[in-house]
Amino acid sequence: MDKDTIQRKVINVLEQVRPYLQQDGGDVNFVELTDDNVVMVELTGACGSCPYSTMTLKNGIENVMKKAIPEITAVEQVETLDL
């Protein structure tokens, strides 16, 4: 599968999990798909500052992503700086 196809699927999966994050006051933004198929995301709102955000990312988003798109190797959070 080519990178553009994988990226479209990644964005689709994020759209599916977004309502669950928004219920808790958070959200997720797609940042990039690396050459080694790591999905980089930004957790925002309540998810960005939640102490459980790593669990949300790994146990929630990453598991769903890997089931839907076996080519994905990991989902990682980018750190954002509030200036």
PDB file of N, CA and C in Angstrom:
ATOM      1  N   MET A   1       0.855  -1.181   0.000  1.00  0.00           N
ATOM      2  CA  MET A   1       0.000   0.000   0.000  1.00  0.00           C
ATOM      3  C   MET A   1       0.896   1.238   0.000  1.00  0.00           C
ATOM      4  N   ASP A   2       0.561   2.226  -0.825  1.00  0.00           N
ATOM      5  CA  ASP A   2       1.409   3.415  -0.889  1.00  0.00           C
ATOM      6  C   ASP A   2       1.116   4.375   0.268  1.00  0.00           C
ATOM      7  N   LYS A   3       2.052   5.287   0.483  1.00  0.00           N
ATOM      8  CA  LYS A   3       1.981   6.189   1.639  1.00  0.00           C
ATOM      9  C   LYS A   3       0.720   7.056   1.631  1.00  0.00           C
ATOM     10  N   ASP A   4       0.302   7.540   0.455  1.00  0.00           N
ATOM     11  CA  ASP A   4      -0.906   8.377   0.381  1.00  0.00           C
ATOM     12  C   ASP A   4      -2.150   7.599   0.808  1.00  0.00           C
ATOM     13  N   THR A   5      -2.235   6.343   0.393  1.00  0.00           N
ATOM     14  CA  THR A   5      -3.377   5.504   0.763  1.00  0.00           C
ATOM     15  C   THR A   5      -3.392   5.260   2.271  1.00  0.00           C
ATOM     16  N   ILE A   6      -2.222   4.942   2.823  1.00  0.00           N
ATOM     17  CA  ILE A   6      -2.130   4.718   4.268  1.00  0.00           C
ATOM     18  C   ILE A   6      -2.514   5.990   5.020  1.00  0.00           C
ATOM     19  N   GLN A   7      -2.025   7.137   4.551  1.00  0.00           N
ATOM     20  CA  GLN A   7      -2.334   8.403   5.225  1.00  0.00           C
ATOM     21  C   GLN A   7      -3.831   8.686   5.211  1.00  0.00           C
ATOM     22  N   ARG A   8      -4.495   8.432   4.093  1.00  0.00           N
ATOM     23  CA  ARG A   8      -5.952   8.629   4.034  1.00  0.00           C
ATOM     24  C   ARG A   8      -6.663   7.725   5.034  1.00  0.00           C
ATOM     25  N   LYS A   9      -6.202   6.483   5.147  1.00  0.00           N
ATOM     26  CA  LYS A   9      -6.811   5.547   6.095  1.00  0.00           C
ATOM     27  C   LYS A   9      -6.567   5.996   7.538  1.00  0.00           C
ATOM     28  N   VAL A  10      -5.362   6.502   7.809  1.00  0.00           N
ATOM     29  CA  VAL A  10      -5.028   7.003   9.151  1.00  0.00           C
ATOM     30  C   VAL A  10      -5.980   8.130   9.537  1.00  0.00           C
ATOM     31  N   ILE A  11      -6.175   9.078   8.637  1.00  0.00           N
ATOM     32  CA  ILE A  11      -7.058  10.214   8.920  1.00  0.00           C
ATOM     33  C   ILE A  11      -8.485   9.723   9.151  1.00  0.00           C
ATOM     34  N   ASN A  12      -8.915   8.734   8.394  1.00  0.00           N
ATOM     35  CA  ASN A  12     -10.246   8.162   8.571  1.00  0.00           C
ATOM     36  C   ASN A  12     -10.399   7.521   9.953  1.00  0.00           C
ATOM     37  N   VAL A  13      -9.396   6.778  10.390  1.00  0.00           N
ATOM     38  CA  VAL A  13      -9.442   6.155  11.721  1.00  0.00           C
ATOM     39  C   VAL A  13      -9.489   7.231  12.805  1.00  0.00           C
ATOM     40  N   LEU A  14      -8.695   8.277  12.653  1.00  0.00           N
ATOM     41  CA  LEU A  14      -8.709   9.358  13.645  1.00  0.00           C
ATOM     42  C   LEU A  14     -10.085  10.026  13.713  1.00  0.00           C
ATOM     43  N   GLU A  15     -10.744  10.172  12.569  1.00  0.00           N
ATOM     44  CA  GLU A  15     -12.101  10.730  12.561  1.00  0.00           C
ATOM     45  C   GLU A  15     -13.066   9.839  13.336  1.00  0.00           C
ATOM     46  N   GLN A  16     -12.839   8.539  13.305  1.00  0.00           N
ATOM     47  CA  GLN A  16     -13.714   7.602  14.013  1.00  0.00           C
ATOM     48  C   GLN A  16     -13.500   7.635  15.520  1.00  0.00           C
ATOM     49  N   VAL A  17     -12.259   7.870  15.974  1.00  0.00           N
ATOM     50  CA  VAL A  17     -12.000   7.894  17.424  1.00  0.00           C
ATOM     51  C   VAL A  17     -12.209   9.279  18.027  1.00  0.00           C
ATOM     52  N   ARG A  18     -12.204  10.304  17.182  1.00  0.00           N
ATOM     53  CA  ARG A  18     -12.329  11.688  17.661  1.00  0.00           C
ATOM     54  C   ARG A  18     -13.543  11.910  18.580  1.00  0.00           C
ATOM     55  N   PRO A  19     -14.752  11.420  18.247  1.00  0.00           N
ATOM     56  CA  PRO A  19     -15.902  11.681  19.126  1.00  0.00           C
ATOM     57  C   PRO A  19     -15.717  11.160  20.554  1.00  0.00           C
ATOM     58  N   TYR A  20     -14.994  10.057  20.702  1.00  0.00           N
ATOM     59  CA  TYR A  20     -14.756   9.515  22.041  1.00  0.00           C
ATOM     60  C   TYR A  20     -13.845  10.433  22.850  1.00  0.00           C
ATOM     61  N   LEU A  21     -12.859  11.004  22.188  1.00  0.00           N
ATOM     62  CA  LEU A  21     -11.969  11.953  22.865  1.00  0.00           C
ATOM     63  C   LEU A  21     -12.704  13.244  23.194  1.00  0.00           C
ATOM     64  N   GLN A  22     -13.544  13.685  22.267  1.00  0.00           N
ATOM     65  CA  GLN A  22     -14.280  14.934  22.476  1.00  0.00           C
ATOM     66  C   GLN A  22     -15.279  14.823  23.622  1.00  0.00           C
ATOM     67  N   GLN A  23     -15.789  13.629  23.886  1.00  0.00           N
ATOM     68  CA  GLN A  23     -16.698  13.435  25.020  1.00  0.00           C
ATOM     69  C   GLN A  23     -16.018  13.813  26.332  1.00  0.00           C
ATOM     70  N   ASP A  24     -14.704  13.645  26.382  1.00  0.00           N
ATOM     71  CA  ASP A  24     -13.944  13.955  27.588  1.00  0.00           C
ATOM     72  C   ASP A  24     -13.221  15.299  27.488  1.00  0.00           C
ATOM     73  N   GLY A  25     -13.592  16.110  26.494  1.00  0.00           N
ATOM     74  CA  GLY A  25     -13.016  17.442  26.365  1.00  0.00           C
ATOM     75  C   GLY A  25     -11.685  17.489  25.648  1.00  0.00           C
ATOM     76  N   GLY A  26     -11.335  16.423  24.949  1.00  0.00           N
ATOM     77  CA  GLY A  26     -10.059  16.387  24.241  1.00  0.00           C
ATOM     78  C   GLY A  26     -10.259  16.256  22.742  1.00  0.00           C
ATOM     79  N   ASP A  27      -9.146  16.116  22.050  1.00  0.00           N
ATOM     80  CA  ASP A  27      -9.197  15.926  20.596  1.00  0.00           C
ATOM     81  C   ASP A  27      -7.839  15.403  20.148  1.00  0.00           C
ATOM     82  N   VAL A  28      -7.780  14.994  18.889  1.00  0.00           N
ATOM     83  CA  VAL A  28      -6.540  14.502  18.306  1.00  0.00           C
ATOM     84  C   VAL A  28      -6.404  15.105  16.912  1.00  0.00           C
ATOM     85  N   ASN A  29      -5.185  15.522  16.574  1.00  0.00           N
ATOM     86  CA  ASN A  29      -4.894  16.067  15.253  1.00  0.00           C
ATOM     87  C   ASN A  29      -3.799  15.244  14.595  1.00  0.00           C
ATOM     88  N   PHE A  30      -4.001  14.911  13.332  1.00  0.00           N
ATOM     89  CA  PHE A  30      -2.977  14.219  12.561  1.00  0.00           C
ATOM     90  C   PHE A  30      -1.851  15.198  12.260  1.00  0.00           C
ATOM     91  N   VAL A  31      -0.608  14.770  12.470  1.00  0.00           N
ATOM     92  CA  VAL A  31       0.546  15.615  12.173  1.00  0.00           C
ATOM     93  C   VAL A  31       1.280  15.085  10.940  1.00  0.00           C
ATOM     94  N   GLU A  32       1.698  13.822  10.993  1.00  0.00           N
ATOM     95  CA  GLU A  32       2.378  13.252   9.834  1.00  0.00           C
ATOM     96  C   GLU A  32       2.449  11.734   9.924  1.00  0.00           C
ATOM     97  N   LEU A  33       2.723  11.128   8.788  1.00  0.00           N
ATOM     98  CA  LEU A  33       3.011   9.707   8.691  1.00  0.00           C
ATOM     99  C   LEU A  33       4.471   9.609   8.279  1.00  0.00           C
ATOM    100  N   THR A  34       5.300   9.020   9.123  1.00  0.00           N
ATOM    101  CA  THR A  34       6.730   8.936   8.818  1.00  0.00           C
ATOM    102  C   THR A  34       6.991   7.858   7.772  1.00  0.00           C
ATOM    103  N   ASP A  35       8.204   7.842   7.261  1.00  0.00           N
ATOM    104  CA  ASP A  35       8.580   6.858   6.243  1.00  0.00           C
ATOM    105  C   ASP A  35       8.547   5.424   6.776  1.00  0.00           C
ATOM    106  N   ASP A  36       8.693   5.264   8.100  1.00  0.00           N
ATOM    107  CA  ASP A  36       8.616   3.919   8.675  1.00  0.00           C
ATOM    108  C   ASP A  36       7.231   3.635   9.270  1.00  0.00           C
ATOM    109  N   ASN A  37       6.221   4.346   8.761  1.00  0.00           N
ATOM    110  CA  ASN A  37       4.803   4.125   9.112  1.00  0.00           C
ATOM    111  C   ASN A  37       4.482   4.339  10.588  1.00  0.00           C
ATOM    112  N   VAL A  38       5.103   5.351  11.175  1.00  0.00           N
ATOM    113  CA  VAL A  38       4.732   5.802  12.513  1.00  0.00           C
ATOM    114  C   VAL A  38       3.806   7.001  12.325  1.00  0.00           C
ATOM    115  N   VAL A  39       2.653   6.944  12.974  1.00  0.00           N
ATOM    116  CA  VAL A  39       1.695   8.042  12.897  1.00  0.00           C
ATOM    117  C   VAL A  39       2.012   9.026  14.018  1.00  0.00           C
ATOM    118  N   MET A  40       2.239  10.272  13.641  1.00  0.00           N
ATOM    119  CA  MET A  40       2.502  11.325  14.609  1.00  0.00           C
ATOM    120  C   MET A  40       1.221  12.125  14.795  1.00  0.00           C
ATOM    121  N   VAL A  41       0.770  12.247  16.051  1.00  0.00           N
ATOM    122  CA  VAL A  41      -0.461  12.981  16.348  1.00  0.00           C
ATOM    123  C   VAL A  41      -0.209  13.988  17.458  1.00  0.00           C
ATOM    124  N   GLU A  42      -1.109  14.941  17.532  1.00  0.00           N
ATOM    125  CA  GLU A  42      -1.098  15.930  18.613  1.00  0.00           C
ATOM    126  C   GLU A  42      -2.386  15.740  19.401  1.00  0.00           C
ATOM    127  N   LEU A  43      -2.251  15.496  20.697  1.00  0.00           N
ATOM    128  CA  LEU A  43      -3.421  15.423  21.572  1.00  0.00           C
ATOM    129  C   LEU A  43      -3.668  16.821  22.109  1.00  0.00           C
ATOM    130  N   THR A  44      -4.909  17.284  22.010  1.00  0.00           N
ATOM    131  CA  THR A  44      -5.232  18.650  22.422  1.00  0.00           C
ATOM    132  C   THR A  44      -6.346  18.658  23.443  1.00  0.00           C
ATOM    133  N   GLY A  45      -6.629  19.842  23.968  1.00  0.00           N
ATOM    134  CA  GLY A  45      -7.683  19.990  24.970  1.00  0.00           C
ATOM    135  C   GLY A  45      -7.339  19.200  26.209  1.00  0.00           C
ATOM    136  N   ALA A  46      -8.328  18.556  26.790  1.00  0.00           N
ATOM    137  CA  ALA A  46      -8.117  17.779  28.007  1.00  0.00           C
ATOM    138  C   ALA A  46      -7.123  16.644  27.777  1.00  0.00           C
ATOM    139  N   CYS A  47      -7.079  16.098  26.563  1.00  0.00           N
ATOM    140  CA  CYS A  47      -6.160  14.994  26.268  1.00  0.00           C
ATOM    141  C   CYS A  47      -4.709  15.448  26.277  1.00  0.00           C
ATOM    142  N   GLY A  48      -4.470  16.698  25.934  1.00  0.00           N
ATOM    143  CA  GLY A  48      -3.101  17.196  25.885  1.00  0.00           C
ATOM    144  C   GLY A  48      -2.459  17.312  27.251  1.00  0.00           C
ATOM    145  N   SER A  49      -3.266  17.545  28.272  1.00  0.00           N
ATOM    146  CA  SER A  49      -2.712  17.728  29.607  1.00  0.00           C
ATOM    147  C   SER A  49      -3.075  16.605  30.575  1.00  0.00           C
ATOM    148  N   CYS A  50      -3.795  15.629  30.107  1.00  0.00           N
ATOM    149  CA  CYS A  50      -4.250  14.539  30.975  1.00  0.00           C
ATOM    150  C   CYS A  50      -3.091  13.608  31.322  1.00  0.00           C
ATOM    151  N   PRO A  51      -2.973  13.226  32.591  1.00  0.00           N
ATOM    152  CA  PRO A  51      -1.898  12.297  32.955  1.00  0.00           C
ATOM    153  C   PRO A  51      -2.081  10.913  32.325  1.00  0.00           C
ATOM    154  N   TYR A  52      -3.266  10.610  31.856  1.00  0.00           N
ATOM    155  CA  TYR A  52      -3.530   9.316  31.224  1.00  0.00           C
ATOM    156  C   TYR A  52      -3.428   9.382  29.705  1.00  0.00           C
ATOM    157  N   SER A  53      -2.924  10.483  29.159  1.00  0.00           N
ATOM    158  CA  SER A  53      -2.891  10.638  27.701  1.00  0.00           C
ATOM    159  C   SER A  53      -2.041   9.560  27.025  1.00  0.00           C
ATOM    160  N   THR A  54      -0.972   9.104  27.675  1.00  0.00           N
ATOM    161  CA  THR A  54      -0.157   8.044  27.089  1.00  0.00           C
ATOM    162  C   THR A  54      -0.960   6.751  26.988  1.00  0.00           C
ATOM    163  N   MET A  55      -1.750   6.455  28.015  1.00  0.00           N
ATOM    164  CA  MET A  55      -2.611   5.265  27.966  1.00  0.00           C
ATOM    165  C   MET A  55      -3.653   5.418  26.863  1.00  0.00           C
ATOM    166  N   THR A  56      -4.248   6.591  26.759  1.00  0.00           N
ATOM    167  CA  THR A  56      -5.227   6.850  25.699  1.00  0.00           C
ATOM    168  C   THR A  56      -4.581   6.630  24.339  1.00  0.00           C
ATOM    169  N   LEU A  57      -3.388   7.148  24.195  1.00  0.00           N
ATOM    170  CA  LEU A  57      -2.692   7.054  22.919  1.00  0.00           C
ATOM    171  C   LEU A  57      -2.347   5.609  22.583  1.00  0.00           C
ATOM    172  N   LYS A  58      -1.706   4.903  23.495  1.00  0.00           N
ATOM    173  CA  LYS A  58      -1.213   3.549  23.212  1.00  0.00           C
ATOM    174  C   LYS A  58      -2.325   2.503  23.265  1.00  0.00           C
ATOM    175  N   ASN A  59      -3.130   2.513  24.318  1.00  0.00           N
ATOM    176  CA  ASN A  59      -4.163   1.487  24.478  1.00  0.00           C
ATOM    177  C   ASN A  59      -5.391   1.760  23.631  1.00  0.00           C
ATOM    178  N   GLY A  60      -5.630   3.007  23.314  1.00  0.00           N
ATOM    179  CA  GLY A  60      -6.805   3.351  22.531  1.00  0.00           C
ATOM    180  C   GLY A  60      -6.480   3.568  21.070  1.00  0.00           C
ATOM    181  N   ILE A  61      -5.906   4.719  20.772  1.00  0.00           N
ATOM    182  CA  ILE A  61      -5.691   5.129  19.385  1.00  0.00           C
ATOM    183  C   ILE A  61      -4.760   4.163  18.652  1.00  0.00           C
ATOM    184  N   GLU A  62      -3.634   3.799  19.271  1.00  0.00           N
ATOM    185  CA  GLU A  62      -2.677   2.933  18.578  1.00  0.00           C
ATOM    186  C   GLU A  62      -3.268   1.558  18.293  1.00  0.00           C
ATOM    187  N   ASN A  63      -3.970   0.970  19.257  1.00  0.00           N
ATOM    188  CA  ASN A  63      -4.568  -0.355  19.033  1.00  0.00           C
ATOM    189  C   ASN A  63      -5.578  -0.324  17.895  1.00  0.00           C
ATOM    190  N   VAL A  64      -6.443   0.682  17.887  1.00  0.00           N
ATOM    191  CA  VAL A  64      -7.445   0.809  16.828  1.00  0.00           C
ATOM    192  C   VAL A  64      -6.748   1.000  15.484  1.00  0.00           C
ATOM    193  N   MET A  65      -5.731   1.843  15.470  1.00  0.00           N
ATOM    194  CA  MET A  65      -5.013   2.144  14.236  1.00  0.00           C
ATOM    195  C   MET A  65      -4.349   0.891  13.668  1.00  0.00           C
ATOM    196  N   LYS A  66      -3.676   0.118  14.520  1.00  0.00           N
ATOM    197  CA  LYS A  66      -2.970  -1.083  14.054  1.00  0.00           C
ATOM    198  C   LYS A  66      -3.945  -2.161  13.573  1.00  0.00           C
ATOM    199  N   LYS A  67      -5.109  -2.257  14.202  1.00  0.00           N
ATOM    200  CA  LYS A  67      -6.110  -3.234  13.748  1.00  0.00           C
ATOM    201  C   LYS A  67      -6.655  -2.847  12.383  1.00  0.00           C
ATOM    202  N   ALA A  68      -6.895  -1.559  12.182  1.00  0.00           N
ATOM    203  CA  ALA A  68      -7.469  -1.090  10.918  1.00  0.00           C
ATOM    204  C   ALA A  68      -6.433  -1.049   9.799  1.00  0.00           C
ATOM    205  N   ILE A  69      -5.182  -0.738  10.166  1.00  0.00           N
ATOM    206  CA  ILE A  69      -4.122  -0.572   9.162  1.00  0.00           C
ATOM    207  C   ILE A  69      -2.872  -1.315   9.658  1.00  0.00           C
ATOM    208  N   PRO A  70      -2.737  -2.593   9.283  1.00  0.00           N
ATOM    209  CA  PRO A  70      -1.611  -3.402   9.792  1.00  0.00           C
ATOM    210  C   PRO A  70      -0.232  -2.841   9.470  1.00  0.00           C
ATOM    211  N   GLU A  71      -0.132  -1.989   8.457  1.00  0.00           N
ATOM    212  CA  GLU A  71       1.171  -1.407   8.091  1.00  0.00           C
ATOM    213  C   GLU A  71       1.687  -0.428   9.135  1.00  0.00           C
ATOM    214  N   ILE A  72       0.811   0.095   9.985  1.00  0.00           N
ATOM    215  CA  ILE A  72       1.221   1.078  10.999  1.00  0.00           C
ATOM    216  C   ILE A  72       2.059   0.382  12.068  1.00  0.00           C
ATOM    217  N   THR A  73       3.215   0.981  12.375  1.00  0.00           N
ATOM    218  CA  THR A  73       4.109   0.385  13.367  1.00  0.00           C
ATOM    219  C   THR A  73       3.903   0.975  14.759  1.00  0.00           C
ATOM    220  N   ALA A  74       3.472   2.233  14.840  1.00  0.00           N
ATOM    221  CA  ALA A  74       3.259   2.878  16.138  1.00  0.00           C
ATOM    222  C   ALA A  74       2.500   4.180  15.933  1.00  0.00           C
ATOM    223  N   VAL A  75       1.946   4.677  17.039  1.00  0.00           N
ATOM    224  CA  VAL A  75       1.350   6.014  17.071  1.00  0.00           C
ATOM    225  C   VAL A  75       2.067   6.761  18.177  1.00  0.00           C
ATOM    226  N   GLU A  76       2.630   7.898  17.846  1.00  0.00           N
ATOM    227  CA  GLU A  76       3.389   8.691  18.803  1.00  0.00           C
ATOM    228  C   GLU A  76       2.803  10.095  18.905  1.00  0.00           C
ATOM    229  N   GLN A  77       2.945  10.676  20.081  1.00  0.00           N
ATOM    230  CA  GLN A  77       2.447  12.029  20.318  1.00  0.00           C
ATOM    231  C   GLN A  77       3.583  13.018  20.119  1.00  0.00           C
ATOM    232  N   VAL A  78       3.301  14.087  19.374  1.00  0.00           N
ATOM    233  CA  VAL A  78       4.278  15.174  19.271  1.00  0.00           C
ATOM    234  C   VAL A  78       4.017  16.132  20.420  1.00  0.00           C
ATOM    235  N   GLU A  79       5.074  16.655  20.962  1.00  0.00           N
ATOM    236  CA  GLU A  79       4.945  17.621  22.050  1.00  0.00           C
ATOM    237  C   GLU A  79       4.759  19.007  21.450  1.00  0.00           C
ATOM    238  N   THR A  80       3.765  19.717  21.928  1.00  0.00           N
ATOM    239  CA  THR A  80       3.543  21.069  21.441  1.00  0.00           C
ATOM    240  C   THR A  80       3.891  22.047  22.541  1.00  0.00           C
ATOM    241  N   LEU A  81       4.425  23.160  22.134  1.00  0.00           N
ATOM    242  CA  LEU A  81       4.786  24.199  23.098  1.00  0.00           C
ATOM    243  C   LEU A  81       3.768  25.331  22.975  1.00  0.00           C
ATOM    244  N   ASP A  82       3.147  25.671  24.086  1.00  0.00           N
ATOM    245  CA  ASP A  82       2.220  26.800  24.092  1.00  0.00           C
ATOM    246  C   ASP A  82       3.046  28.060  24.270  1.00  0.00           C
ATOM    247  N   LEU A  83       3.086  28.866  23.219  1.00  0.00           N
ATOM    248  CA  LEU A  83       3.881  30.104  23.289  1.00  0.00           C
ATOM    249  C   LEU A  83       3.000  31.281  23.614  1.00  0.00           C
TER     250      LEU A  83
END
